[in-house]
Amino acid sequence: MRRDKINYYLDLAEVVLARSTCLRRQYGAVIVANDSVISTGYNGAPRGRKNCTDLGVCLRESLGVARGERYELCRSVHAEANAIIAASRKETLGAALFLVGKEASDGAYVQDTDCCAMCKRHVINSGITTVYERIDKDNYRVVDVEKDWVEGDETLPPDIVPARYKESGK
């Protein structure tokens, strides 16, 4: 049986994550536009810097930092950011991003894979419209960037709603 397109691109992202140099979580990202791969990215230290795999230590892991916190301590550029950096905005306008994360310790899929707050801002500014996040080998979540991350801006306090949404009845 032929693999569906979304899982095909997620499978590609899973192959890309094999290049990750993170000792904690490995991520792979693929940007696709008009049914063509535009760019790929995985998480790892910036070019020229030593990777955590070279150093044999993850500072966030050794300090017991919880997921989603203190990213300034991390040596890595995230997979989504690396994929966006490798593409032009002209290519990413209207594109889709496919994201897969695995635990470095046992290869299990990261539960509730999601872009961090900074990567969400990168995705929004790149013009990517849809993000597919792998749950397991055959299942995934679909993020509508405009609806879920722009209109559903989690960085706003709950009591603040932009005036344009109040006026339009959204």
N, C-alpha and C. Protein backbone atom coordinates (compact mmCIF):
# COMPACT_ATOMS: atom_id res chain seq x y z
N MET A 1 0.84 -1.18 0.00
CA MET A 1 0.00 0.00 0.00
C MET A 1 0.89 1.25 0.00
N ARG A 2 0.51 2.21 -0.79
CA ARG A 2 1.30 3.43 -0.95
C ARG A 2 1.12 4.36 0.26
N ARG A 3 2.23 4.93 0.72
CA ARG A 3 2.24 5.83 1.88
C ARG A 3 1.56 7.14 1.49
N ASP A 4 0.70 7.69 2.37
CA ASP A 4 0.07 8.98 2.09
C ASP A 4 1.13 10.08 2.12
N LYS A 5 0.85 11.19 1.44
CA LYS A 5 1.84 12.26 1.27
C LYS A 5 2.29 12.88 2.58
N ILE A 6 1.36 13.10 3.49
CA ILE A 6 1.75 13.75 4.75
C ILE A 6 2.73 12.86 5.52
N ASN A 7 2.42 11.59 5.64
CA ASN A 7 3.35 10.69 6.33
C ASN A 7 4.64 10.49 5.55
N TYR A 8 4.58 10.58 4.24
CA TYR A 8 5.80 10.52 3.42
C TYR A 8 6.74 11.67 3.81
N TYR A 9 6.21 12.88 3.89
CA TYR A 9 7.06 14.03 4.26
C TYR A 9 7.49 13.94 5.73
N LEU A 10 6.62 13.43 6.59
CA LEU A 10 7.02 13.21 7.98
C LEU A 10 8.11 12.14 8.07
N ASP A 11 8.03 11.12 7.22
CA ASP A 11 9.10 10.11 7.18
C ASP A 11 10.43 10.75 6.77
N LEU A 12 10.38 11.68 5.82
CA LEU A 12 11.60 12.39 5.42
C LEU A 12 12.17 13.18 6.60
N ALA A 13 11.29 13.86 7.34
CA ALA A 13 11.74 14.61 8.52
C ALA A 13 12.36 13.68 9.55
N GLU A 14 11.80 12.48 9.65
CA GLU A 14 12.35 11.50 10.59
C GLU A 14 13.75 11.05 10.17
N VAL A 15 13.98 10.92 8.88
CA VAL A 15 15.32 10.60 8.38
C VAL A 15 16.27 11.75 8.68
N VAL A 16 15.81 12.98 8.49
CA VAL A 16 16.63 14.16 8.75
C VAL A 16 17.05 14.22 10.21
N LEU A 17 16.17 13.85 11.14
CA LEU A 17 16.53 13.94 12.56
C LEU A 17 17.69 13.04 12.95
N ALA A 18 18.00 12.07 12.10
CA ALA A 18 19.15 11.19 12.38
C ALA A 18 20.47 11.97 12.37
N ARG A 19 20.47 13.18 11.80
CA ARG A 19 21.66 14.04 11.80
C ARG A 19 21.77 14.89 13.06
N SER A 20 20.73 14.88 13.91
CA SER A 20 20.72 15.69 15.11
C SER A 20 21.92 15.37 16.00
N THR A 21 22.43 16.40 16.66
CA THR A 21 23.57 16.22 17.56
C THR A 21 23.18 16.48 19.01
N CYS A 22 21.87 16.49 19.27
CA CYS A 22 21.36 16.73 20.62
C CYS A 22 21.35 15.43 21.41
N LEU A 23 21.76 15.51 22.65
CA LEU A 23 21.77 14.34 23.53
C LEU A 23 20.44 14.15 24.25
N ARG A 24 19.54 15.11 24.11
CA ARG A 24 18.28 15.08 24.84
C ARG A 24 17.11 14.69 23.94
N ARG A 25 16.87 15.50 22.91
CA ARG A 25 15.78 15.24 21.96
C ARG A 25 16.26 15.56 20.56
N GLN A 26 15.92 14.69 19.65
CA GLN A 26 16.33 14.87 18.26
C GLN A 26 15.12 15.26 17.43
N TYR A 27 15.28 16.31 16.64
CA TYR A 27 14.19 16.79 15.79
C TYR A 27 14.66 16.90 14.35
N GLY A 28 13.72 16.65 13.46
CA GLY A 28 13.94 16.86 12.04
C GLY A 28 12.78 17.64 11.47
N ALA A 29 13.06 18.53 10.55
CA ALA A 29 12.03 19.36 9.93
C ALA A 29 12.24 19.38 8.42
N VAL A 30 11.13 19.39 7.70
CA VAL A 30 11.15 19.49 6.25
C VAL A 30 10.13 20.54 5.85
N ILE A 31 10.53 21.46 4.99
CA ILE A 31 9.61 22.46 4.45
C ILE A 31 9.27 22.05 3.03
N VAL A 32 7.97 22.02 2.74
CA VAL A 32 7.48 21.59 1.44
C VAL A 32 6.55 22.66 0.87
N ALA A 33 6.76 23.00 -0.40
CA ALA A 33 5.86 23.92 -1.11
C ALA A 33 5.57 23.35 -2.48
N ASN A 34 4.33 23.40 -2.87
CA ASN A 34 3.92 22.90 -4.19
C ASN A 34 4.42 21.48 -4.43
N ASP A 35 4.34 20.66 -3.40
CA ASP A 35 4.73 19.25 -3.47
C ASP A 35 6.21 19.04 -3.78
N SER A 36 7.03 20.02 -3.42
CA SER A 36 8.49 19.91 -3.58
C SER A 36 9.17 20.26 -2.26
N VAL A 37 10.19 19.50 -1.92
CA VAL A 37 10.96 19.79 -0.71
C VAL A 37 11.79 21.05 -0.96
N ILE A 38 11.62 22.02 -0.09
CA ILE A 38 12.33 23.30 -0.18
C ILE A 38 13.61 23.26 0.64
N SER A 39 13.51 22.74 1.87
CA SER A 39 14.69 22.68 2.74
C SER A 39 14.43 21.69 3.87
N THR A 40 15.51 21.36 4.56
CA THR A 40 15.44 20.48 5.72
C THR A 40 16.27 21.09 6.85
N GLY A 41 16.00 20.63 8.06
CA GLY A 41 16.79 21.10 9.19
C GLY A 41 16.71 20.09 10.33
N TYR A 42 17.76 20.06 11.13
CA TYR A 42 17.78 19.24 12.34
C TYR A 42 18.39 20.07 13.44
N ASN A 43 18.20 19.66 14.69
CA ASN A 43 18.74 20.45 15.79
C ASN A 43 20.19 20.08 16.06
N GLY A 44 20.99 21.12 16.23
CA GLY A 44 22.41 20.96 16.50
C GLY A 44 23.06 22.31 16.71
N ALA A 45 24.28 22.30 17.20
CA ALA A 45 25.01 23.53 17.48
C ALA A 45 25.24 24.32 16.18
N PRO A 46 25.37 25.64 16.29
CA PRO A 46 25.67 26.45 15.11
C PRO A 46 26.98 25.99 14.46
N ARG A 47 27.07 26.20 13.16
CA ARG A 47 28.26 25.80 12.41
C ARG A 47 29.53 26.29 13.08
N GLY A 48 30.48 25.39 13.21
CA GLY A 48 31.77 25.74 13.79
C GLY A 48 31.87 25.53 15.29
N ARG A 49 30.73 25.47 15.96
CA ARG A 49 30.75 25.22 17.41
C ARG A 49 30.67 23.73 17.68
N LYS A 50 31.19 23.32 18.82
CA LYS A 50 31.12 21.90 19.20
C LYS A 50 29.68 21.52 19.52
N ASN A 51 29.31 20.34 19.07
CA ASN A 51 27.98 19.80 19.34
C ASN A 51 27.98 19.12 20.71
N CYS A 52 26.79 18.97 21.26
CA CYS A 52 26.66 18.25 22.54
C CYS A 52 27.18 16.82 22.42
N THR A 53 26.97 16.20 21.24
CA THR A 53 27.49 14.84 21.06
C THR A 53 29.01 14.83 21.11
N ASP A 54 29.67 15.91 20.68
CA ASP A 54 31.13 16.01 20.76
C ASP A 54 31.58 16.23 22.21
N LEU A 55 30.80 17.03 22.93
CA LEU A 55 31.15 17.37 24.31
C LEU A 55 30.75 16.26 25.29
N GLY A 56 29.77 15.46 24.91
CA GLY A 56 29.30 14.38 25.78
C GLY A 56 28.42 14.84 26.92
N VAL A 57 27.88 16.06 26.82
CA VAL A 57 27.02 16.57 27.89
C VAL A 57 25.99 17.53 27.31
N CYS A 58 24.81 17.45 27.90
CA CYS A 58 23.74 18.41 27.62
C CYS A 58 23.56 19.24 28.89
N LEU A 59 23.84 20.52 28.81
CA LEU A 59 23.76 21.37 29.99
C LEU A 59 22.35 21.39 30.57
N ARG A 60 21.34 21.51 29.74
CA ARG A 60 19.96 21.55 30.24
C ARG A 60 19.60 20.24 30.94
N GLU A 61 20.05 19.12 30.37
CA GLU A 61 19.78 17.81 30.97
C GLU A 61 20.51 17.69 32.31
N SER A 62 21.77 18.09 32.35
CA SER A 62 22.56 17.96 33.58
C SER A 62 22.02 18.86 34.70
N LEU A 63 21.38 19.97 34.33
CA LEU A 63 20.79 20.86 35.33
C LEU A 63 19.35 20.50 35.66
N GLY A 64 18.80 19.51 34.96
CA GLY A 64 17.42 19.09 35.20
C GLY A 64 16.39 20.11 34.74
N VAL A 65 16.71 20.87 33.70
CA VAL A 65 15.80 21.89 33.19
C VAL A 65 14.63 21.21 32.47
N ALA A 66 13.43 21.61 32.82
CA ALA A 66 12.22 21.03 32.23
C ALA A 66 12.08 21.41 30.75
N ARG A 67 11.39 20.57 30.02
CA ARG A 67 11.11 20.82 28.61
C ARG A 67 10.39 22.17 28.47
N GLY A 68 10.81 22.94 27.48
CA GLY A 68 10.17 24.22 27.21
C GLY A 68 10.71 25.38 28.02
N GLU A 69 11.72 25.14 28.84
CA GLU A 69 12.27 26.19 29.69
C GLU A 69 13.76 26.40 29.42
N ARG A 70 14.22 27.60 29.67
CA ARG A 70 15.65 27.96 29.65
C ARG A 70 16.39 27.58 28.37
N TYR A 71 15.76 27.85 27.23
CA TYR A 71 16.40 27.52 25.95
C TYR A 71 17.71 28.26 25.74
N GLU A 72 17.92 29.35 26.47
CA GLU A 72 19.19 30.08 26.32
C GLU A 72 20.38 29.24 26.77
N LEU A 73 20.13 28.19 27.54
CA LEU A 73 21.20 27.30 27.97
C LEU A 73 21.55 26.23 26.93
N CYS A 74 20.72 26.11 25.93
CA CYS A 74 20.89 25.07 24.91
C CYS A 74 21.87 25.51 23.83
N ARG A 75 22.74 24.61 23.40
CA ARG A 75 23.71 24.90 22.35
C ARG A 75 23.09 24.85 20.96
N SER A 76 21.93 24.21 20.83
CA SER A 76 21.38 23.90 19.52
C SER A 76 20.56 25.01 18.88
N VAL A 77 20.61 25.03 17.57
CA VAL A 77 19.64 25.76 16.76
C VAL A 77 18.57 24.71 16.46
N HIS A 78 17.31 25.07 16.64
CA HIS A 78 16.23 24.10 16.47
C HIS A 78 16.04 23.71 15.00
N ALA A 79 15.49 22.54 14.79
CA ALA A 79 15.29 21.99 13.45
C ALA A 79 14.46 22.92 12.58
N GLU A 80 13.37 23.46 13.13
CA GLU A 80 12.51 24.36 12.36
C GLU A 80 13.29 25.60 11.93
N ALA A 81 14.06 26.17 12.85
CA ALA A 81 14.85 27.36 12.54
C ALA A 81 15.88 27.05 11.46
N ASN A 82 16.55 25.92 11.57
CA ASN A 82 17.54 25.56 10.55
C ASN A 82 16.90 25.38 9.18
N ALA A 83 15.71 24.77 9.13
CA ALA A 83 15.02 24.61 7.85
C ALA A 83 14.62 25.97 7.27
N ILE A 84 14.14 26.86 8.12
CA ILE A 84 13.74 28.20 7.67
C ILE A 84 14.95 28.99 7.20
N ILE A 85 16.06 28.90 7.92
CA ILE A 85 17.29 29.61 7.55
C ILE A 85 17.78 29.15 6.18
N ALA A 86 17.58 27.87 5.87
CA ALA A 86 18.08 27.30 4.61
C ALA A 86 17.19 27.63 3.41
N ALA A 87 16.07 28.30 3.63
CA ALA A 87 15.14 28.61 2.54
C ALA A 87 14.96 30.13 2.46
N SER A 88 14.49 30.58 1.32
CA SER A 88 14.14 32.00 1.20
C SER A 88 12.68 32.18 1.57
N ARG A 89 12.31 33.37 2.00
CA ARG A 89 10.92 33.63 2.37
C ARG A 89 10.01 33.44 1.15
N LYS A 90 10.51 33.78 0.01
CA LYS A 90 9.72 33.59 -1.22
C LYS A 90 9.32 32.12 -1.38
N GLU A 91 10.22 31.21 -0.98
CA GLU A 91 9.93 29.77 -1.08
C GLU A 91 9.00 29.28 0.03
N THR A 92 9.06 29.93 1.21
CA THR A 92 8.29 29.44 2.34
C THR A 92 6.88 30.01 2.41
N LEU A 93 6.58 31.06 1.65
CA LEU A 93 5.23 31.63 1.66
C LEU A 93 4.23 30.59 1.21
N GLY A 94 3.28 30.27 2.08
CA GLY A 94 2.26 29.28 1.77
C GLY A 94 2.70 27.84 1.89
N ALA A 95 3.92 27.61 2.38
CA ALA A 95 4.47 26.26 2.48
C ALA A 95 3.98 25.55 3.73
N ALA A 96 4.34 24.28 3.84
CA ALA A 96 4.03 23.47 5.02
C ALA A 96 5.34 23.01 5.64
N LEU A 97 5.34 22.89 6.97
CA LEU A 97 6.50 22.39 7.70
C LEU A 97 6.10 21.06 8.33
N PHE A 98 6.95 20.06 8.18
CA PHE A 98 6.74 18.73 8.75
C PHE A 98 7.78 18.53 9.84
N LEU A 99 7.33 18.19 11.05
CA LEU A 99 8.21 18.14 12.21
C LEU A 99 8.08 16.80 12.94
N VAL A 100 9.23 16.19 13.22
CA VAL A 100 9.26 14.94 13.97
C VAL A 100 10.29 15.07 15.08
N GLY A 101 9.93 14.61 16.28
CA GLY A 101 10.85 14.62 17.41
C GLY A 101 10.93 13.25 18.05
N LYS A 102 12.15 12.87 18.45
CA LYS A 102 12.36 11.60 19.15
C LYS A 102 13.25 11.85 20.36
N GLU A 103 13.00 11.04 21.39
CA GLU A 103 13.84 11.08 22.58
C GLU A 103 15.19 10.45 22.23
N ALA A 104 16.28 11.14 22.54
CA ALA A 104 17.61 10.62 22.23
C ALA A 104 17.91 9.35 23.04
N SER A 105 17.35 9.25 24.23
CA SER A 105 17.65 8.12 25.11
C SER A 105 17.11 6.78 24.61
N ASP A 106 15.92 6.79 24.03
CA ASP A 106 15.31 5.50 23.65
C ASP A 106 14.66 5.49 22.26
N GLY A 107 14.71 6.61 21.55
CA GLY A 107 14.13 6.66 20.21
C GLY A 107 12.62 6.75 20.17
N ALA A 108 11.98 6.91 21.32
CA ALA A 108 10.52 7.06 21.34
C ALA A 108 10.14 8.43 20.79
N TYR A 109 8.99 8.50 20.16
CA TYR A 109 8.51 9.80 19.67
C TYR A 109 8.29 10.73 20.85
N VAL A 110 8.69 12.00 20.68
CA VAL A 110 8.46 12.99 21.72
C VAL A 110 6.95 13.17 21.85
N GLN A 111 6.46 13.06 23.08
CA GLN A 111 5.03 13.25 23.32
C GLN A 111 4.70 14.73 23.21
N ASP A 112 3.64 15.03 22.51
CA ASP A 112 3.19 16.41 22.32
C ASP A 112 4.24 17.29 21.64
N THR A 113 4.85 16.75 20.59
CA THR A 113 5.78 17.56 19.80
C THR A 113 5.10 18.85 19.40
N ASP A 114 5.78 19.96 19.60
CA ASP A 114 5.26 21.27 19.24
C ASP A 114 6.44 22.20 19.08
N CYS A 115 6.29 23.20 18.24
CA CYS A 115 7.33 24.21 18.10
C CYS A 115 7.40 25.03 19.38
N CYS A 116 8.60 25.41 19.79
CA CYS A 116 8.76 26.29 20.94
C CYS A 116 8.26 27.69 20.56
N ALA A 117 8.14 28.57 21.53
CA ALA A 117 7.63 29.93 21.29
C ALA A 117 8.46 30.67 20.24
N MET A 118 9.78 30.54 20.30
CA MET A 118 10.64 31.24 19.34
C MET A 118 10.45 30.67 17.94
N CYS A 119 10.41 29.35 17.82
CA CYS A 119 10.22 28.73 16.50
C CYS A 119 8.85 29.07 15.93
N LYS A 120 7.84 29.18 16.79
CA LYS A 120 6.52 29.60 16.31
C LYS A 120 6.62 30.97 15.64
N ARG A 121 7.37 31.87 16.25
CA ARG A 121 7.53 33.21 15.66
C ARG A 121 8.27 33.13 14.33
N HIS A 122 9.28 32.26 14.25
CA HIS A 122 10.00 32.07 12.98
C HIS A 122 9.05 31.53 11.90
N VAL A 123 8.25 30.53 12.27
CA VAL A 123 7.31 29.93 11.32
C VAL A 123 6.32 30.98 10.84
N ILE A 124 5.75 31.75 11.76
CA ILE A 124 4.79 32.80 11.39
C ILE A 124 5.43 33.78 10.41
N ASN A 125 6.62 34.28 10.74
CA ASN A 125 7.27 35.27 9.88
C ASN A 125 7.72 34.71 8.54
N SER A 126 7.96 33.41 8.47
CA SER A 126 8.41 32.81 7.21
C SER A 126 7.27 32.68 6.21
N GLY A 127 6.03 32.78 6.69
CA GLY A 127 4.88 32.63 5.80
C GLY A 127 4.40 31.20 5.65
N ILE A 128 4.96 30.28 6.42
CA ILE A 128 4.49 28.90 6.43
C ILE A 128 3.06 28.91 6.97
N THR A 129 2.17 28.17 6.32
CA THR A 129 0.75 28.21 6.70
C THR A 129 0.29 27.00 7.51
N THR A 130 0.98 25.88 7.37
CA THR A 130 0.55 24.65 8.04
C THR A 130 1.76 23.93 8.61
N VAL A 131 1.61 23.39 9.82
CA VAL A 131 2.65 22.58 10.44
C VAL A 131 2.04 21.21 10.76
N TYR A 132 2.74 20.16 10.36
CA TYR A 132 2.34 18.79 10.66
C TYR A 132 3.32 18.25 11.68
N GLU A 133 2.81 17.79 12.83
CA GLU A 133 3.64 17.30 13.92
C GLU A 133 3.34 15.83 14.15
N ARG A 134 4.36 15.00 14.01
CA ARG A 134 4.17 13.55 14.15
C ARG A 134 3.87 13.17 15.59
N ILE A 135 2.85 12.33 15.76
CA ILE A 135 2.49 11.76 17.06
C ILE A 135 3.13 10.37 17.19
N ASP A 136 2.97 9.56 16.16
CA ASP A 136 3.58 8.24 16.07
C ASP A 136 3.78 7.92 14.59
N LYS A 137 4.17 6.72 14.29
CA LYS A 137 4.56 6.38 12.91
C LYS A 137 3.49 6.70 11.86
N ASP A 138 2.23 6.68 12.24
CA ASP A 138 1.15 6.88 11.27
C ASP A 138 0.21 8.03 11.59
N ASN A 139 0.38 8.67 12.73
CA ASN A 139 -0.56 9.72 13.14
C ASN A 139 0.17 11.04 13.38
N TYR A 140 -0.56 12.12 13.18
CA TYR A 140 0.03 13.45 13.28
C TYR A 140 -1.05 14.47 13.64
N ARG A 141 -0.58 15.62 14.13
CA ARG A 141 -1.42 16.77 14.40
C ARG A 141 -1.22 17.77 13.27
N VAL A 142 -2.26 18.54 12.99
CA VAL A 142 -2.17 19.58 11.97
C VAL A 142 -2.38 20.93 12.66
N VAL A 143 -1.45 21.84 12.45
CA VAL A 143 -1.54 23.18 13.01
C VAL A 143 -1.82 24.15 11.87
N ASP A 144 -2.90 24.90 11.99
CA ASP A 144 -3.19 26.00 11.07
C ASP A 144 -2.52 27.22 11.68
N VAL A 145 -1.43 27.67 11.10
CA VAL A 145 -0.60 28.71 11.71
C VAL A 145 -1.39 29.98 11.99
N GLU A 146 -2.17 30.44 11.04
CA GLU A 146 -2.95 31.67 11.22
C GLU A 146 -3.96 31.51 12.37
N LYS A 147 -4.73 30.46 12.32
CA LYS A 147 -5.79 30.25 13.32
C LYS A 147 -5.21 29.91 14.69
N ASP A 148 -4.26 28.97 14.73
CA ASP A 148 -3.78 28.45 16.01
C ASP A 148 -2.69 29.30 16.66
N TRP A 149 -1.82 29.92 15.87
CA TRP A 149 -0.69 30.63 16.46
C TRP A 149 -0.76 32.14 16.32
N VAL A 150 -1.47 32.64 15.33
CA VAL A 150 -1.59 34.10 15.19
C VAL A 150 -2.84 34.57 15.94
N GLU A 151 -4.00 34.08 15.53
CA GLU A 151 -5.24 34.46 16.22
C GLU A 151 -5.26 33.87 17.63
N GLY A 152 -4.75 32.66 17.80
CA GLY A 152 -4.71 32.01 19.11
C GLY A 152 -3.40 32.29 19.81
N ASP A 153 -2.98 33.53 19.83
CA ASP A 153 -1.69 33.95 20.38
C ASP A 153 -1.62 33.66 21.89
N GLU A 154 -0.91 32.59 22.23
CA GLU A 154 -0.81 32.19 23.64
C GLU A 154 0.07 33.12 24.46
N THR A 155 0.73 34.07 23.83
CA THR A 155 1.60 34.98 24.57
C THR A 155 0.82 36.17 25.14
N LEU A 156 -0.46 36.29 24.75
CA LEU A 156 -1.28 37.36 25.32
C LEU A 156 -1.94 36.90 26.61
N PRO A 157 -1.97 37.78 27.61
CA PRO A 157 -2.71 37.41 28.82
C PRO A 157 -4.17 37.15 28.44
N PRO A 158 -4.84 36.22 29.12
CA PRO A 158 -6.20 35.83 28.74
C PRO A 158 -7.20 36.99 28.71
N ASP A 159 -6.98 38.02 29.53
CA ASP A 159 -7.94 39.12 29.58
C ASP A 159 -7.71 40.17 28.49
N ILE A 160 -6.66 39.97 27.67
CA ILE A 160 -6.38 40.92 26.59
C ILE A 160 -6.74 40.26 25.27
N VAL A 161 -7.65 40.88 24.56
CA VAL A 161 -8.01 40.42 23.23
C VAL A 161 -7.83 41.62 22.31
N PRO A 162 -7.07 41.46 21.23
CA PRO A 162 -6.87 42.60 20.33
C PRO A 162 -8.20 43.20 19.88
N ALA A 163 -8.25 44.52 19.78
CA ALA A 163 -9.47 45.23 19.40
C ALA A 163 -10.04 44.73 18.08
N ARG A 164 -9.18 44.37 17.14
CA ARG A 164 -9.69 43.92 15.83
C ARG A 164 -10.53 42.66 15.95
N TYR A 165 -10.29 41.83 16.98
CA TYR A 165 -11.10 40.62 17.17
C TYR A 165 -12.41 40.97 17.87
N LYS A 166 -12.37 41.96 18.76
CA LYS A 166 -13.60 42.39 19.43
C LYS A 166 -14.56 43.00 18.41
N GLU A 167 -14.01 43.84 17.52
CA GLU A 167 -14.85 44.52 16.54
C GLU A 167 -15.43 43.57 15.51
N SER A 168 -14.68 42.57 15.10
CA SER A 168 -15.15 41.66 14.05
C SER A 168 -15.98 40.52 14.60
N GLY A 169 -16.08 40.39 15.91
CA GLY A 169 -16.88 39.34 16.51
C GLY A 169 -16.19 38.00 16.55
N LYS A 170 -14.89 37.95 16.32
CA LYS A 170 -14.14 36.68 16.35
C LYS A 170 -13.94 36.20 17.75
